[in-house]
Structures are given as C-alpha cells and as structure tokens.
N, C-alpha and C. Protein backbone atom coordinates (compact mmCIF):
# COMPACT_ATOMS: atom_id res chain seq x y z
N UNK A 1 41.91 141.24 114.55
CA UNK A 1 43.31 141.41 114.94
C UNK A 1 44.01 140.05 114.86
N UNK A 2 45.15 140.03 114.23
CA UNK A 2 45.86 138.77 114.06
C UNK A 2 46.44 138.29 115.38
N UNK A 3 46.41 137.00 115.58
CA UNK A 3 46.96 136.41 116.80
C UNK A 3 48.46 136.19 116.62
N UNK A 4 49.22 136.64 117.61
CA UNK A 4 50.67 136.47 117.54
C UNK A 4 51.04 135.00 117.57
N UNK A 5 52.00 134.63 116.76
CA UNK A 5 52.44 133.25 116.71
C UNK A 5 53.69 133.09 117.56
N UNK A 6 53.77 131.97 118.22
CA UNK A 6 54.95 131.66 119.03
C UNK A 6 55.95 130.87 118.21
N UNK A 7 57.17 131.30 118.22
CA UNK A 7 58.24 130.60 117.53
C UNK A 7 59.22 130.06 118.55
N UNK A 8 59.55 128.79 118.43
CA UNK A 8 60.47 128.17 119.36
C UNK A 8 61.78 127.86 118.64
N UNK A 9 62.90 128.23 119.25
CA UNK A 9 64.18 127.96 118.58
C UNK A 9 64.44 126.46 118.46
N UNK A 10 65.03 126.08 117.33
CA UNK A 10 65.38 124.68 117.15
C UNK A 10 66.56 124.32 118.05
N UNK A 11 66.60 123.06 118.45
CA UNK A 11 67.72 122.60 119.26
C UNK A 11 69.02 122.74 118.47
N UNK A 12 70.04 123.23 119.14
CA UNK A 12 71.33 123.43 118.50
C UNK A 12 72.15 122.16 118.64
N UNK A 13 72.61 121.64 117.50
CA UNK A 13 73.44 120.43 117.54
C UNK A 13 74.80 120.75 118.15
N UNK A 14 75.31 119.84 118.94
CA UNK A 14 76.58 120.02 119.64
C UNK A 14 77.54 118.92 119.21
N UNK A 15 78.79 119.29 119.00
CA UNK A 15 79.83 118.31 118.71
C UNK A 15 80.66 118.10 119.97
N UNK A 16 80.74 116.84 120.42
CA UNK A 16 81.48 116.52 121.63
C UNK A 16 82.72 115.71 121.24
N UNK A 17 83.82 116.00 121.93
CA UNK A 17 85.09 115.36 121.60
C UNK A 17 85.61 114.56 122.78
N UNK A 18 86.00 113.32 122.51
CA UNK A 18 86.67 112.48 123.49
C UNK A 18 88.13 112.37 123.06
N UNK A 19 89.03 112.84 123.90
CA UNK A 19 90.45 112.86 123.55
C UNK A 19 91.23 111.92 124.45
N UNK A 20 91.99 111.02 123.83
CA UNK A 20 92.83 110.06 124.55
C UNK A 20 94.30 110.45 124.40
N UNK A 21 95.05 110.27 125.48
CA UNK A 21 96.49 110.46 125.44
C UNK A 21 97.15 109.25 126.07
N UNK A 22 97.98 108.57 125.30
CA UNK A 22 98.67 107.36 125.76
C UNK A 22 100.17 107.62 125.76
N UNK A 23 100.77 107.62 126.98
CA UNK A 23 102.20 107.89 127.12
C UNK A 23 102.78 106.92 128.15
N UNK A 24 103.82 106.22 127.75
CA UNK A 24 104.55 105.35 128.68
C UNK A 24 103.62 104.38 129.41
N UNK A 25 102.70 103.78 128.66
CA UNK A 25 101.83 102.77 129.24
C UNK A 25 100.64 103.31 130.01
N UNK A 26 100.49 104.63 130.06
CA UNK A 26 99.38 105.23 130.80
C UNK A 26 98.42 105.94 129.85
N UNK A 27 97.13 105.69 130.04
CA UNK A 27 96.10 106.32 129.22
C UNK A 27 95.33 107.33 130.05
N UNK A 28 95.21 108.53 129.55
CA UNK A 28 94.32 109.52 130.15
C UNK A 28 93.27 109.89 129.12
N UNK A 29 92.11 110.32 129.59
CA UNK A 29 91.00 110.62 128.67
C UNK A 29 90.27 111.86 129.14
N UNK A 30 89.97 112.71 128.19
CA UNK A 30 89.11 113.87 128.42
C UNK A 30 87.71 113.48 127.97
N UNK A 31 86.75 113.57 128.87
CA UNK A 31 85.36 113.19 128.64
C UNK A 31 85.17 111.67 128.60
N UNK A 32 85.38 110.99 129.73
CA UNK A 32 85.23 109.52 129.77
C UNK A 32 83.78 109.06 129.65
N UNK A 33 82.82 109.95 129.87
CA UNK A 33 81.40 109.61 129.69
C UNK A 33 80.72 110.76 128.97
N UNK A 34 79.98 110.42 127.95
CA UNK A 34 79.31 111.43 127.11
C UNK A 34 77.82 111.17 127.10
N UNK A 35 77.04 112.22 127.29
CA UNK A 35 75.61 112.17 126.99
C UNK A 35 75.36 113.09 125.81
N UNK A 36 74.54 112.65 124.88
CA UNK A 36 74.33 113.43 123.67
C UNK A 36 72.91 113.24 123.15
N UNK A 37 72.45 114.23 122.41
CA UNK A 37 71.16 114.14 121.78
C UNK A 37 71.26 113.51 120.41
N UNK A 38 70.11 113.19 119.85
CA UNK A 38 70.07 112.49 118.57
C UNK A 38 70.64 113.32 117.43
N UNK A 39 70.69 114.65 117.58
CA UNK A 39 71.22 115.50 116.52
C UNK A 39 72.66 115.92 116.78
N UNK A 40 73.22 115.52 117.93
CA UNK A 40 74.60 115.86 118.26
C UNK A 40 75.57 114.97 117.50
N UNK A 41 76.84 115.31 117.58
CA UNK A 41 77.89 114.51 116.97
C UNK A 41 79.01 114.28 117.98
N UNK A 42 79.86 113.29 117.70
CA UNK A 42 80.96 112.97 118.59
C UNK A 42 82.21 112.70 117.75
N UNK A 43 83.35 113.12 118.29
CA UNK A 43 84.65 112.89 117.65
C UNK A 43 85.56 112.20 118.66
N UNK A 44 86.21 111.12 118.23
CA UNK A 44 87.22 110.46 119.05
C UNK A 44 88.60 110.86 118.52
N UNK A 45 89.45 111.38 119.41
CA UNK A 45 90.77 111.85 118.99
C UNK A 45 91.87 111.20 119.81
N UNK A 46 92.99 110.95 119.14
CA UNK A 46 94.20 110.48 119.80
C UNK A 46 95.18 111.65 119.82
N UNK A 47 95.57 112.07 121.00
CA UNK A 47 96.43 113.24 121.14
C UNK A 47 97.71 113.10 120.32
N UNK A 48 98.20 114.22 119.81
CA UNK A 48 99.48 114.22 119.09
C UNK A 48 100.63 113.85 120.01
N UNK A 49 100.41 113.97 121.32
CA UNK A 49 101.46 113.61 122.29
C UNK A 49 101.52 112.11 122.56
N UNK A 50 100.52 111.37 122.10
CA UNK A 50 100.49 109.93 122.36
C UNK A 50 101.68 109.24 121.68
N UNK A 51 102.10 108.14 122.28
CA UNK A 51 103.25 107.41 121.75
C UNK A 51 102.84 106.14 121.00
N UNK A 52 101.52 105.93 120.81
CA UNK A 52 101.06 104.74 120.08
C UNK A 52 99.67 105.00 119.52
N UNK A 53 99.33 104.21 118.51
CA UNK A 53 97.96 104.21 118.01
C UNK A 53 97.04 103.54 119.02
N UNK A 54 95.77 103.91 119.01
CA UNK A 54 94.79 103.31 119.91
C UNK A 54 93.67 102.67 119.09
N UNK A 55 93.09 101.62 119.64
CA UNK A 55 91.96 100.93 119.01
C UNK A 55 90.79 100.98 119.98
N UNK A 56 89.63 101.49 119.54
CA UNK A 56 88.44 101.53 120.37
C UNK A 56 87.65 100.24 120.16
N UNK A 57 87.20 99.63 121.26
CA UNK A 57 86.48 98.36 121.21
C UNK A 57 85.13 98.56 121.90
N UNK A 58 84.04 98.45 121.15
CA UNK A 58 82.71 98.73 121.65
C UNK A 58 81.95 97.44 121.96
N UNK A 59 81.19 97.46 123.06
CA UNK A 59 80.34 96.33 123.40
C UNK A 59 79.04 96.41 122.63
N UNK A 60 78.20 95.39 122.75
CA UNK A 60 76.85 95.43 122.18
C UNK A 60 75.87 95.87 123.26
N UNK A 61 74.77 96.43 122.84
CA UNK A 61 73.75 96.90 123.78
C UNK A 61 72.38 96.72 123.14
N UNK A 62 71.51 95.80 123.61
CA UNK A 62 71.71 94.94 124.78
C UNK A 62 72.86 93.94 124.57
N UNK A 63 73.47 93.48 125.67
CA UNK A 63 74.57 92.54 125.54
C UNK A 63 74.08 91.18 125.06
N UNK A 64 74.91 90.48 124.32
CA UNK A 64 74.56 89.17 123.79
C UNK A 64 75.67 88.19 124.14
N UNK A 65 75.53 87.43 125.23
CA UNK A 65 76.60 86.51 125.60
C UNK A 65 76.78 85.39 124.60
N UNK A 66 75.70 84.72 124.22
CA UNK A 66 75.75 83.62 123.25
C UNK A 66 74.36 83.44 122.67
N UNK A 67 74.25 82.94 121.43
CA UNK A 67 72.92 82.56 120.92
C UNK A 67 72.34 81.48 121.82
N UNK A 68 71.04 81.31 121.97
CA UNK A 68 70.00 82.05 121.22
C UNK A 68 69.42 83.22 122.01
N UNK A 69 70.22 83.91 122.78
CA UNK A 69 69.71 85.01 123.58
C UNK A 69 69.25 86.17 122.70
N UNK A 70 68.59 87.12 123.35
CA UNK A 70 68.05 88.26 122.63
C UNK A 70 69.11 88.90 121.74
N UNK A 71 68.84 89.12 120.47
CA UNK A 71 69.85 89.72 119.59
C UNK A 71 70.10 91.17 119.98
N UNK A 72 71.25 91.69 119.60
CA UNK A 72 71.56 93.08 119.98
C UNK A 72 70.67 94.06 119.26
N UNK A 73 70.47 95.21 119.90
CA UNK A 73 69.78 96.29 119.23
C UNK A 73 70.73 96.94 118.22
N UNK A 74 70.27 97.96 117.52
CA UNK A 74 71.13 98.62 116.53
C UNK A 74 72.29 99.32 117.21
N UNK A 75 73.42 99.37 116.53
CA UNK A 75 74.54 100.13 117.05
C UNK A 75 74.13 101.59 117.20
N UNK A 76 74.66 102.27 118.20
CA UNK A 76 74.27 103.68 118.39
C UNK A 76 75.12 104.62 117.55
N UNK A 77 76.27 104.11 117.04
CA UNK A 77 77.15 104.90 116.18
C UNK A 77 77.75 103.99 115.12
N UNK A 78 78.26 104.58 114.06
CA UNK A 78 79.13 103.84 113.16
C UNK A 78 80.50 103.81 113.81
N UNK A 79 80.74 102.78 114.63
CA UNK A 79 81.93 102.76 115.45
C UNK A 79 83.19 102.72 114.60
N UNK A 80 84.22 103.46 115.02
CA UNK A 80 85.49 103.39 114.28
C UNK A 80 86.12 102.02 114.42
N UNK A 81 86.51 101.43 113.31
CA UNK A 81 87.09 100.08 113.33
C UNK A 81 88.59 100.10 113.11
N UNK A 82 89.13 101.19 112.63
CA UNK A 82 90.57 101.28 112.39
C UNK A 82 91.27 101.93 113.56
N UNK A 83 92.53 101.57 113.81
CA UNK A 83 93.29 102.25 114.87
C UNK A 83 93.40 103.74 114.57
N UNK A 84 93.48 104.53 115.63
CA UNK A 84 93.62 105.99 115.49
C UNK A 84 95.06 106.34 115.85
N UNK A 85 95.79 106.86 114.89
CA UNK A 85 97.19 107.19 115.10
C UNK A 85 97.32 108.45 115.94
N UNK A 86 98.48 108.65 116.57
CA UNK A 86 98.70 109.91 117.30
C UNK A 86 98.44 111.12 116.41
N UNK A 87 97.66 112.06 116.92
CA UNK A 87 97.29 113.23 116.14
C UNK A 87 96.10 113.02 115.25
N UNK A 88 95.56 111.80 115.22
CA UNK A 88 94.43 111.50 114.34
C UNK A 88 93.10 111.53 115.07
N UNK A 89 92.03 111.45 114.30
CA UNK A 89 90.68 111.43 114.87
C UNK A 89 89.76 110.70 113.92
N UNK A 90 88.56 110.42 114.41
CA UNK A 90 87.56 109.72 113.61
C UNK A 90 86.79 110.66 112.70
N UNK A 91 86.87 111.96 112.96
CA UNK A 91 85.94 112.86 112.32
C UNK A 91 84.60 112.80 113.03
N UNK A 92 83.65 113.60 112.61
CA UNK A 92 82.36 113.70 113.29
C UNK A 92 81.51 112.46 113.01
N UNK A 93 80.98 111.85 114.09
CA UNK A 93 80.09 110.70 114.00
C UNK A 93 78.73 111.09 114.55
N UNK A 94 77.68 110.69 113.87
CA UNK A 94 76.31 111.01 114.30
C UNK A 94 75.63 109.77 114.86
N UNK A 95 74.77 109.92 115.88
CA UNK A 95 74.03 108.77 116.41
C UNK A 95 73.14 108.15 115.35
N UNK A 96 72.99 106.83 115.45
CA UNK A 96 72.10 106.09 114.55
C UNK A 96 70.73 105.85 115.18
N UNK A 97 70.60 106.19 116.48
CA UNK A 97 69.36 105.97 117.21
C UNK A 97 69.06 107.22 118.03
N UNK A 98 67.80 107.36 118.43
CA UNK A 98 67.42 108.47 119.30
C UNK A 98 67.73 108.18 120.76
N UNK A 99 67.68 106.90 121.14
CA UNK A 99 67.95 106.48 122.51
C UNK A 99 68.80 105.21 122.48
N UNK A 100 69.87 105.21 123.21
CA UNK A 100 70.73 104.04 123.26
C UNK A 100 71.96 104.35 124.10
N UNK A 101 72.70 103.32 124.47
CA UNK A 101 73.90 103.50 125.27
C UNK A 101 74.89 102.40 124.97
N UNK A 102 76.15 102.66 125.25
CA UNK A 102 77.19 101.68 124.99
C UNK A 102 78.37 101.93 125.91
N UNK A 103 79.08 100.86 126.25
CA UNK A 103 80.37 100.95 126.93
C UNK A 103 81.46 100.55 125.93
N UNK A 104 82.65 101.09 126.14
CA UNK A 104 83.75 100.72 125.26
C UNK A 104 85.07 100.82 126.01
N UNK A 105 86.09 100.16 125.47
CA UNK A 105 87.43 100.18 126.05
C UNK A 105 88.42 100.59 124.97
N UNK A 106 89.66 100.78 125.40
CA UNK A 106 90.74 101.17 124.50
C UNK A 106 91.83 100.12 124.55
N UNK A 107 92.34 99.74 123.39
CA UNK A 107 93.45 98.80 123.32
C UNK A 107 94.66 99.44 122.64
N UNK A 108 95.83 99.04 123.11
CA UNK A 108 97.09 99.39 122.47
C UNK A 108 97.84 98.08 122.23
N UNK A 109 98.14 97.81 120.97
CA UNK A 109 98.82 96.56 120.60
C UNK A 109 98.08 95.33 121.11
N UNK A 110 96.73 95.39 121.08
CA UNK A 110 95.91 94.24 121.44
C UNK A 110 95.63 94.07 122.92
N UNK A 111 96.14 94.96 123.77
CA UNK A 111 95.91 94.86 125.21
C UNK A 111 95.11 96.07 125.69
N UNK A 112 94.14 95.83 126.60
CA UNK A 112 93.34 96.93 127.12
C UNK A 112 94.16 97.84 127.99
N UNK A 113 93.97 99.13 127.81
CA UNK A 113 94.58 100.14 128.66
C UNK A 113 93.47 101.06 129.16
N UNK A 114 93.68 101.69 130.32
CA UNK A 114 92.67 102.59 130.84
C UNK A 114 91.49 101.86 131.44
N UNK A 115 90.33 102.51 131.45
CA UNK A 115 89.15 102.03 132.14
C UNK A 115 88.08 101.64 131.12
N UNK A 116 86.83 101.60 131.57
CA UNK A 116 85.68 101.40 130.70
C UNK A 116 84.99 102.75 130.56
N UNK A 117 84.60 103.10 129.33
CA UNK A 117 84.05 104.41 129.06
C UNK A 117 82.62 104.28 128.54
N UNK A 118 81.86 105.38 128.57
CA UNK A 118 80.42 105.30 128.32
C UNK A 118 79.94 106.40 127.39
N UNK A 119 78.96 106.03 126.57
CA UNK A 119 78.23 107.00 125.74
C UNK A 119 76.75 106.71 125.90
N UNK A 120 75.97 107.77 126.13
CA UNK A 120 74.51 107.62 126.18
C UNK A 120 73.89 108.61 125.21
N UNK A 121 73.05 108.10 124.32
CA UNK A 121 72.27 108.94 123.41
C UNK A 121 70.85 109.02 123.95
N UNK A 122 70.32 110.22 124.05
CA UNK A 122 68.98 110.39 124.61
C UNK A 122 68.92 109.84 126.02
N UNK A 123 67.93 108.99 126.29
CA UNK A 123 67.76 108.38 127.61
C UNK A 123 68.33 106.97 127.70
N UNK A 124 69.16 106.58 126.72
CA UNK A 124 69.75 105.24 126.78
C UNK A 124 68.66 104.17 126.66
N UNK A 125 68.63 103.18 127.58
CA UNK A 125 69.52 102.99 128.72
C UNK A 125 70.68 102.06 128.37
N UNK A 126 71.63 101.91 129.33
CA UNK A 126 72.60 100.83 129.25
C UNK A 126 71.97 99.59 129.86
N UNK A 127 72.06 98.45 129.16
CA UNK A 127 71.44 97.22 129.62
C UNK A 127 72.43 96.34 130.38
N UNK A 128 71.92 95.68 131.42
CA UNK A 128 72.66 94.63 132.12
C UNK A 128 71.80 93.38 132.04
N UNK A 129 72.32 92.32 131.40
CA UNK A 129 71.56 91.08 131.21
C UNK A 129 71.97 90.06 132.26
N UNK A 130 70.98 89.39 132.86
CA UNK A 130 71.20 88.39 133.91
C UNK A 130 70.75 87.03 133.39
N UNK A 131 71.61 86.03 133.53
CA UNK A 131 71.23 84.67 133.15
C UNK A 131 71.77 83.70 134.20
N UNK A 132 70.89 83.32 135.13
CA UNK A 132 71.32 82.45 136.21
C UNK A 132 72.42 83.11 137.02
N UNK A 133 73.57 82.45 137.10
CA UNK A 133 74.67 82.97 137.90
C UNK A 133 75.67 83.78 137.07
N UNK A 134 75.27 84.21 135.90
CA UNK A 134 76.15 85.03 135.07
C UNK A 134 75.45 86.31 134.68
N UNK A 135 76.23 87.33 134.36
CA UNK A 135 75.65 88.63 134.01
C UNK A 135 76.58 89.33 133.04
N UNK A 136 75.99 90.17 132.22
CA UNK A 136 76.71 90.82 131.14
C UNK A 136 76.25 92.27 131.05
N UNK A 137 77.15 93.25 131.12
CA UNK A 137 78.57 93.10 131.37
C UNK A 137 78.85 92.92 132.86
N UNK A 138 80.03 92.44 133.17
CA UNK A 138 80.40 92.25 134.57
C UNK A 138 80.51 93.59 135.28
N UNK A 139 81.06 94.58 134.59
CA UNK A 139 81.11 95.94 135.10
C UNK A 139 80.40 96.84 134.10
N UNK A 140 79.36 97.54 134.55
CA UNK A 140 78.61 98.45 133.69
C UNK A 140 78.95 99.88 134.08
N UNK A 141 79.14 100.73 133.08
CA UNK A 141 79.49 102.13 133.33
C UNK A 141 78.39 103.02 132.76
N UNK A 142 77.91 103.93 133.60
CA UNK A 142 76.79 104.81 133.25
C UNK A 142 77.20 106.25 133.54
N UNK A 143 76.91 107.20 132.66
CA UNK A 143 77.18 108.60 132.99
C UNK A 143 76.40 109.02 134.23
N UNK A 144 76.93 109.95 135.01
CA UNK A 144 76.16 110.48 136.13
C UNK A 144 74.85 111.05 135.58
N UNK A 145 73.75 110.68 136.21
CA UNK A 145 72.44 111.08 135.72
C UNK A 145 71.93 110.23 134.57
N UNK A 146 72.68 109.17 134.22
CA UNK A 146 72.30 108.32 133.11
C UNK A 146 71.33 107.22 133.51
N UNK A 147 70.94 106.41 132.53
CA UNK A 147 69.93 105.37 132.72
C UNK A 147 70.53 103.98 132.57
N UNK A 148 70.00 103.04 133.37
CA UNK A 148 70.40 101.64 133.30
C UNK A 148 69.15 100.77 133.37
N UNK A 149 69.21 99.59 132.75
CA UNK A 149 68.09 98.65 132.81
C UNK A 149 68.62 97.23 133.01
N UNK A 150 68.19 96.58 134.09
CA UNK A 150 68.51 95.19 134.35
C UNK A 150 67.40 94.31 133.78
N UNK A 151 67.75 93.24 133.07
CA UNK A 151 66.72 92.30 132.62
C UNK A 151 67.28 90.89 132.68
N UNK A 152 66.40 89.93 132.87
CA UNK A 152 66.83 88.54 133.01
C UNK A 152 66.55 87.77 131.72
N UNK A 153 67.44 86.82 131.43
CA UNK A 153 67.30 85.96 130.26
C UNK A 153 66.76 84.58 130.61
N UNK A 154 66.70 84.28 131.93
CA UNK A 154 66.29 82.93 132.36
C UNK A 154 64.83 82.88 132.82
N UNK A 155 64.10 83.98 132.65
CA UNK A 155 62.68 84.00 133.00
C UNK A 155 62.40 84.27 134.47
N UNK A 156 63.44 84.40 135.29
CA UNK A 156 63.25 84.62 136.72
C UNK A 156 63.28 86.11 137.06
N UNK A 157 62.73 86.42 138.23
CA UNK A 157 62.83 87.77 138.79
C UNK A 157 63.69 87.69 140.04
N UNK A 158 64.70 88.56 140.12
CA UNK A 158 65.61 88.58 141.25
C UNK A 158 65.57 89.94 141.94
N UNK A 159 65.71 89.91 143.26
CA UNK A 159 65.87 91.15 143.99
C UNK A 159 67.29 91.67 143.81
N UNK A 160 67.44 92.99 143.77
CA UNK A 160 68.75 93.61 143.64
C UNK A 160 69.11 94.28 144.96
N UNK A 161 70.22 93.88 145.54
CA UNK A 161 70.70 94.51 146.76
C UNK A 161 71.98 95.26 146.51
N UNK A 162 72.08 96.50 146.99
CA UNK A 162 73.27 97.30 146.82
C UNK A 162 74.15 97.16 148.06
N UNK A 163 75.40 97.57 147.96
CA UNK A 163 76.36 97.41 149.04
C UNK A 163 75.85 97.94 150.37
N UNK A 164 76.32 97.34 151.45
CA UNK A 164 75.87 97.72 152.80
C UNK A 164 76.11 99.20 153.05
N UNK A 165 75.06 99.86 153.54
CA UNK A 165 75.18 101.27 153.88
C UNK A 165 75.18 102.22 152.70
N UNK A 166 74.92 101.70 151.50
CA UNK A 166 74.94 102.52 150.29
C UNK A 166 73.50 102.74 149.83
N UNK A 167 73.16 103.99 149.59
CA UNK A 167 71.84 104.29 149.05
C UNK A 167 71.76 103.81 147.61
N UNK A 168 70.59 103.35 147.22
CA UNK A 168 70.37 102.87 145.86
C UNK A 168 70.70 104.00 144.88
N UNK A 169 71.71 103.81 144.02
CA UNK A 169 72.06 104.88 143.08
C UNK A 169 71.04 105.05 141.95
N UNK A 170 70.14 104.08 141.80
CA UNK A 170 69.08 104.14 140.80
C UNK A 170 67.74 103.92 141.51
N UNK A 171 67.21 104.93 142.20
CA UNK A 171 66.01 104.75 143.00
C UNK A 171 64.89 104.06 142.24
N UNK A 172 64.31 103.05 142.88
CA UNK A 172 63.24 102.27 142.26
C UNK A 172 63.73 100.99 141.62
N UNK A 173 65.03 100.90 141.34
CA UNK A 173 65.58 99.69 140.73
C UNK A 173 65.89 98.69 141.84
N UNK A 174 64.92 97.85 142.14
CA UNK A 174 65.05 96.86 143.22
C UNK A 174 64.93 95.43 142.73
N UNK A 175 64.60 95.25 141.44
CA UNK A 175 64.45 93.91 140.88
C UNK A 175 64.98 93.85 139.45
N UNK A 176 65.53 92.69 139.10
CA UNK A 176 65.84 92.38 137.71
C UNK A 176 64.74 91.47 137.20
N UNK A 177 64.05 91.88 136.13
CA UNK A 177 62.88 91.15 135.63
C UNK A 177 63.08 90.72 134.19
N UNK A 178 62.30 89.72 133.74
CA UNK A 178 62.35 89.35 132.31
C UNK A 178 61.74 90.46 131.46
N UNK A 179 62.15 90.53 130.21
CA UNK A 179 61.47 91.41 129.27
C UNK A 179 60.09 90.84 128.97
N UNK A 180 59.05 91.64 128.77
CA UNK A 180 59.10 93.10 128.66
C UNK A 180 58.81 93.81 129.98
N UNK A 181 58.89 93.11 131.11
CA UNK A 181 58.57 93.74 132.39
C UNK A 181 59.68 94.63 132.92
N UNK A 182 60.89 94.46 132.42
CA UNK A 182 62.01 95.28 132.88
C UNK A 182 61.81 96.73 132.44
N UNK A 183 62.44 97.65 133.16
CA UNK A 183 62.29 99.07 132.86
C UNK A 183 63.58 99.81 133.19
N UNK A 184 63.84 100.95 132.54
CA UNK A 184 65.04 101.73 132.84
C UNK A 184 64.85 102.60 134.08
N UNK A 185 65.96 102.85 134.78
CA UNK A 185 65.96 103.72 135.95
C UNK A 185 67.13 104.69 135.85
N UNK A 186 66.92 105.89 136.39
CA UNK A 186 67.92 106.96 136.26
C UNK A 186 68.76 107.10 137.51
N UNK A 187 70.06 107.33 137.30
CA UNK A 187 70.95 107.67 138.40
C UNK A 187 70.55 109.04 138.96
N UNK A 188 70.31 109.09 140.27
CA UNK A 188 69.79 110.29 140.90
C UNK A 188 70.79 110.86 141.91
N UNK A 189 70.68 112.17 142.23
CA UNK A 189 71.56 112.76 143.24
C UNK A 189 71.44 112.02 144.56
N UNK A 190 72.51 111.93 145.38
CA UNK A 190 73.84 112.42 144.99
C UNK A 190 74.48 111.49 143.97
N UNK A 191 74.74 112.02 142.79
CA UNK A 191 75.21 111.16 141.70
C UNK A 191 76.64 111.49 141.29
N UNK A 192 77.47 111.76 142.30
CA UNK A 192 78.88 111.96 142.01
C UNK A 192 79.46 110.68 141.42
N UNK A 193 80.53 110.79 140.64
CA UNK A 193 81.16 109.56 140.13
C UNK A 193 81.47 108.60 141.28
N UNK A 194 81.11 107.35 141.13
CA UNK A 194 81.26 106.39 142.21
C UNK A 194 81.26 104.97 141.64
N UNK A 195 81.61 104.02 142.49
CA UNK A 195 81.55 102.60 142.12
C UNK A 195 80.65 101.89 143.10
N UNK A 196 79.67 101.16 142.59
CA UNK A 196 78.68 100.48 143.42
C UNK A 196 78.73 98.98 143.12
N UNK A 197 78.56 98.17 144.15
CA UNK A 197 78.43 96.74 143.96
C UNK A 197 76.99 96.33 144.22
N UNK A 198 76.56 95.27 143.56
CA UNK A 198 75.21 94.76 143.77
C UNK A 198 75.25 93.24 143.79
N UNK A 199 74.24 92.66 144.41
CA UNK A 199 74.05 91.21 144.37
C UNK A 199 72.58 90.94 144.14
N UNK A 200 72.28 89.73 143.68
CA UNK A 200 70.90 89.35 143.38
C UNK A 200 70.44 88.29 144.37
N UNK A 201 69.17 88.30 144.68
CA UNK A 201 68.59 87.32 145.60
C UNK A 201 67.31 86.78 144.97
N UNK A 202 66.79 85.62 145.40
CA UNK A 202 67.29 84.87 146.55
C UNK A 202 68.45 83.94 146.19
N UNK A 203 69.39 83.85 147.10
CA UNK A 203 70.49 82.88 147.03
C UNK A 203 71.25 82.93 145.72
N UNK A 204 71.44 84.13 145.19
CA UNK A 204 72.16 84.24 143.94
C UNK A 204 73.10 85.43 144.05
N UNK A 205 74.35 85.14 144.38
CA UNK A 205 75.36 86.18 144.45
C UNK A 205 76.30 85.96 143.28
N UNK A 206 76.40 86.92 142.42
CA UNK A 206 77.10 86.74 141.16
C UNK A 206 78.59 87.04 141.31
N UNK A 207 79.40 86.29 140.60
CA UNK A 207 80.82 86.58 140.53
C UNK A 207 81.52 86.52 141.87
N UNK A 208 80.99 85.75 142.82
CA UNK A 208 81.63 85.64 144.12
C UNK A 208 81.45 86.86 144.99
N UNK A 209 80.55 87.75 144.62
CA UNK A 209 80.36 88.93 145.45
C UNK A 209 79.48 89.98 144.82
N UNK A 210 79.04 89.73 143.62
CA UNK A 210 78.12 90.66 143.00
C UNK A 210 78.72 91.37 141.81
N UNK A 211 77.89 92.11 141.11
CA UNK A 211 78.33 92.87 139.96
C UNK A 211 78.73 94.27 140.36
N UNK A 212 79.14 95.05 139.38
CA UNK A 212 79.62 96.41 139.63
C UNK A 212 78.98 97.36 138.64
N UNK A 213 78.55 98.50 139.16
CA UNK A 213 78.08 99.59 138.33
C UNK A 213 78.90 100.83 138.70
N UNK A 214 79.49 101.46 137.69
CA UNK A 214 80.23 102.69 137.91
C UNK A 214 79.47 103.86 137.30
N UNK A 215 79.39 104.95 138.05
CA UNK A 215 78.87 106.19 137.46
C UNK A 215 80.08 107.08 137.20
N UNK A 216 80.12 107.66 136.01
CA UNK A 216 81.28 108.42 135.58
C UNK A 216 80.87 109.82 135.19
N UNK A 217 81.69 110.82 135.59
CA UNK A 217 81.37 112.20 135.30
C UNK A 217 81.14 112.41 133.81
N UNK A 218 80.10 113.14 133.48
CA UNK A 218 79.69 113.27 132.08
C UNK A 218 79.81 114.70 131.59
N UNK A 219 79.82 114.82 130.28
CA UNK A 219 79.76 116.13 129.65
C UNK A 219 78.58 116.17 128.71
C-alpha cells in the first residue's frame, strides 16, 4: 500500500505599501514600521494629496560612524534614490537579504520631516553600535516584536540600564558586548509602541542622559 505524501503550501509573498502624505509642513505615514519576509515586496508611495516631492534617506546597518570601524553589511533593499513626486511610487522592491533591518527618514527640500521609520526583513536585527561615549544611531527604531543588537566598537563590555521603573523591553539584553559576543534580542510583550531610554555603565552615560529606542506599531 502506498504511503500518503504530505504536501505543504508554499509561503505566499506579500506586497506591503508605505504611504506618505505631506501637506502644509506636516507628514503623515501609513505603516511607519514594516516587517517582511525574504520573498515579500515593499512599495513606497507619495500620496496624490501631497503638496511636495519627498526624498527617503536610509541609514546603514550595521552603522558606520567613521573608518576604520566595521564596514556596513549589505543593503536590505535597492533603496530609492530619486525624489518621489505626489502621486508617485517606487514600484515593488524586493529584499536583498533574508535577515536585516534599517531605519530611514523623509526629507522635503533637504529638511527632515516626520519621524524615524523602520523596516525589518526576517529577524533583522537593527544594530546599535557603541564606541566610548558615542553611539550610533542616537535614536533606534524597532518594529513592535522586532529585534535589536547592541555591540561595542571599543572592545569594552557595558551594562545596559533602562529608565527607572521601566521593564526591559528586550528581555535578556543587559549588556553591550564586542563582536562576536553580541547577540540580538526581541521586543517582548507588553510591546505596545513606546519610547525607552537607556544608559550604559560603569560611569558611562551617553548623550547627557542615555540613548533612545522606540518601538513602532508594525504591519
């Protein structure tokens, strides 16, 4: 008697759209944080109601403040380099990696408008690099349920302290370590969109009060 074979459906690719609307100096965005799989696609659109073209500006991941620090990993997308006119879009973009993350901002006429936005492919993570009393990026944005990894460039290990009375939004992330000892940690419930501050020890408080990690509602 023949043995029945099990067939598993293939993962269905999803196209996700980030839509920006810029009117009278105010920027609104639909889907400020995106999580996507390696086979998914993403489209950036500028609403037909917008009153100006927008320019998307993407950071590097891992961040690279200056040579000779660790070089950046591969870009996670073929980032759009041209301004997007009202009513325009980038068309469908596919991830270039299975796992990666990036933050980006929006500019109008060379000035940043709106907030910092996030994309995570697979399990990311988004990297935060520590070098003595400086850190990159100063504000890191992670989708709710997303991954972040702190690592040091100066060879030291620092303790990470979160704001008073605030539960660690990334359970287990208590130290920033040099590579390859650093590891990614996931944002865990309650993981509502929030803003968290952190400081490093011993005797190292960055930026006059610590860095910032924002968790942003994701689609």
